[in-house]
Amino acid sequence: MSPHQFLINCRVDNAKKLLWNSDIAMSDIAEKSGFGCQQYMNKVFKKETGMTLSNYVNQQRINHAKYLLTNTDLQIQQIAHDCGY
């Protein structure tokens, strides 16, 4: 892996972590992840993951909801709230 690809992977991983916190604006996530601007982050994220930022967030919410449904006794309304719906 080239140093450039390593850096890209680190930035994408950092963006993934920050995306879970929906209180952070996309432009701030791009800046904090080292992309500089949201448009560049969108382009690189899609190229590296095969999905858009919004598709990634939705997929993570669904996966988290599935986990909570099968592994906890929480009510559906609470799970929905916890997953950002």
C-alpha atoms as a PDB file:
ATOM      1  CA  MET A   1       0.000   0.000   0.000  1.00  0.00           C
ATOM      2  CA  SER A   2       1.358   3.383  -0.939  1.00  0.00           C
ATOM      3  CA  PRO A   3       1.660   6.184   1.628  1.00  0.00           C
ATOM      4  CA  HIS A   4      -1.031   8.090  -0.268  1.00  0.00           C
ATOM      5  CA  GLN A   5      -3.467   5.143  -0.083  1.00  0.00           C
ATOM      6  CA  PHE A   6      -2.687   4.694   3.607  1.00  0.00           C
ATOM      7  CA  LEU A   7      -3.564   8.350   4.202  1.00  0.00           C
ATOM      8  CA  ILE A   8      -6.793   8.027   2.218  1.00  0.00           C
ATOM      9  CA  ASN A   9      -7.760   4.921   4.227  1.00  0.00           C
ATOM     10  CA  CYS A  10      -7.108   6.756   7.498  1.00  0.00           C
ATOM     11  CA  ARG A  11      -9.220   9.710   6.368  1.00  0.00           C
ATOM     12  CA  VAL A  12     -12.106   7.480   5.272  1.00  0.00           C
ATOM     13  CA  ASP A  13     -11.977   5.528   8.548  1.00  0.00           C
ATOM     14  CA  ASN A  14     -12.023   8.763  10.525  1.00  0.00           C
ATOM     15  CA  ALA A  15     -14.964  10.061   8.473  1.00  0.00           C
ATOM     16  CA  LYS A  16     -16.858   6.813   9.172  1.00  0.00           C
ATOM     17  CA  LYS A  17     -16.405   7.299  12.900  1.00  0.00           C
ATOM     18  CA  LEU A  18     -17.516  10.919  12.758  1.00  0.00           C
ATOM     19  CA  LEU A  19     -20.535  10.140  10.555  1.00  0.00           C
ATOM     20  CA  TRP A  20     -22.150   8.176  13.355  1.00  0.00           C
ATOM     21  CA  ASN A  21     -22.446  11.443  15.306  1.00  0.00           C
ATOM     22  CA  SER A  22     -25.215  13.091  13.295  1.00  0.00           C
ATOM     23  CA  ASP A  23     -24.768  16.384  15.159  1.00  0.00           C
ATOM     24  CA  ILE A  24     -21.631  17.159  13.155  1.00  0.00           C
ATOM     25  CA  ALA A  25     -22.067  18.958   9.819  1.00  0.00           C
ATOM     26  CA  MET A  26     -20.671  17.218   6.727  1.00  0.00           C
ATOM     27  CA  SER A  27     -18.338  20.132   6.065  1.00  0.00           C
ATOM     28  CA  ASP A  28     -16.931  19.765   9.595  1.00  0.00           C
ATOM     29  CA  ILE A  29     -16.509  16.008   9.127  1.00  0.00           C
ATOM     30  CA  ALA A  30     -14.601  16.665   5.902  1.00  0.00           C
ATOM     31  CA  GLU A  31     -12.346  19.161   7.643  1.00  0.00           C
ATOM     32  CA  LYS A  32     -11.766  17.009  10.736  1.00  0.00           C
ATOM     33  CA  SER A  33     -11.000  13.982   8.556  1.00  0.00           C
ATOM     34  CA  GLY A  34      -8.409  15.855   6.539  1.00  0.00           C
ATOM     35  CA  PHE A  35     -10.280  16.046   3.251  1.00  0.00           C
ATOM     36  CA  GLY A  36     -10.431  19.826   3.172  1.00  0.00           C
ATOM     37  CA  CYS A  37     -13.865  20.097   1.607  1.00  0.00           C
ATOM     38  CA  GLN A  38     -17.089  18.142   1.521  1.00  0.00           C
ATOM     39  CA  GLN A  39     -17.078  17.607  -2.247  1.00  0.00           C
ATOM     40  CA  TYR A  40     -13.677  15.926  -2.175  1.00  0.00           C
ATOM     41  CA  MET A  41     -14.725  13.771   0.788  1.00  0.00           C
ATOM     42  CA  ASN A  42     -17.887  12.701  -1.091  1.00  0.00           C
ATOM     43  CA  LYS A  43     -15.861  11.691  -4.137  1.00  0.00           C
ATOM     44  CA  VAL A  44     -13.158   9.790  -2.237  1.00  0.00           C
ATOM     45  CA  PHE A  45     -15.620   8.118   0.147  1.00  0.00           C
ATOM     46  CA  LYS A  46     -17.712   6.791  -2.739  1.00  0.00           C
ATOM     47  CA  LYS A  47     -14.618   5.564  -4.582  1.00  0.00           C
ATOM     48  CA  GLU A  48     -13.201   3.796  -1.514  1.00  0.00           C
ATOM     49  CA  THR A  49     -16.405   2.323  -0.044  1.00  0.00           C
ATOM     50  CA  GLY A  50     -18.642   1.932  -3.079  1.00  0.00           C
ATOM     51  CA  MET A  51     -21.425   3.912  -1.396  1.00  0.00           C
ATOM     52  CA  THR A  52     -22.396   7.484  -0.814  1.00  0.00           C
ATOM     53  CA  LEU A  53     -22.097   9.065   2.599  1.00  0.00           C
ATOM     54  CA  SER A  54     -25.857   8.998   3.142  1.00  0.00           C
ATOM     55  CA  ASN A  55     -26.097   5.363   2.059  1.00  0.00           C
ATOM     56  CA  TYR A  56     -23.303   4.494   4.474  1.00  0.00           C
ATOM     57  CA  VAL A  57     -25.042   6.252   7.380  1.00  0.00           C
ATOM     58  CA  ASN A  58     -28.354   4.559   6.587  1.00  0.00           C
ATOM     59  CA  GLN A  59     -26.674   1.149   6.360  1.00  0.00           C
ATOM     60  CA  GLN A  60     -24.982   1.669   9.732  1.00  0.00           C
ATOM     61  CA  ARG A  61     -28.280   2.712  11.324  1.00  0.00           C
ATOM     62  CA  ILE A  62     -30.007  -0.374   9.944  1.00  0.00           C
ATOM     63  CA  ASN A  63     -27.211  -2.658  11.138  1.00  0.00           C
ATOM     64  CA  HIS A  64     -27.313  -1.095  14.600  1.00  0.00           C
ATOM     65  CA  ALA A  65     -31.107  -1.458  14.741  1.00  0.00           C
ATOM     66  CA  LYS A  66     -30.851  -5.133  13.741  1.00  0.00           C
ATOM     67  CA  TYR A  67     -28.292  -5.702  16.466  1.00  0.00           C
ATOM     68  CA  LEU A  68     -30.442  -4.011  19.113  1.00  0.00           C
ATOM     69  CA  LEU A  69     -33.563  -5.882  18.000  1.00  0.00           C
ATOM     70  CA  THR A  70     -31.894  -9.262  18.293  1.00  0.00           C
ATOM     71  CA  ASN A  71     -29.694  -8.674  21.348  1.00  0.00           C
ATOM     72  CA  THR A  72     -31.686  -6.437  23.685  1.00  0.00           C
ATOM     73  CA  ASP A  73     -35.143  -6.160  25.193  1.00  0.00           C
ATOM     74  CA  LEU A  74     -35.523  -2.523  24.160  1.00  0.00           C
ATOM     75  CA  GLN A  75     -38.828  -1.448  22.683  1.00  0.00           C
ATOM     76  CA  ILE A  76     -38.952  -0.690  18.975  1.00  0.00           C
ATOM     77  CA  GLN A  77     -39.597   2.998  19.608  1.00  0.00           C
ATOM     78  CA  GLN A  78     -36.448   3.235  21.744  1.00  0.00           C
ATOM     79  CA  ILE A  79     -34.386   1.412  19.151  1.00  0.00           C
ATOM     80  CA  ALA A  80     -35.648   3.712  16.429  1.00  0.00           C
ATOM     81  CA  HIS A  81     -34.749   6.728  18.524  1.00  0.00           C
ATOM     82  CA  ASP A  82     -31.315   5.330  19.385  1.00  0.00           C
ATOM     83  CA  CYS A  83     -30.594   4.695  15.711  1.00  0.00           C
ATOM     84  CA  GLY A  84     -31.557   8.187  14.603  1.00  0.00           C
ATOM     85  CA  TYR A  85     -35.006   7.529  13.145  1.00  0.00           C
END
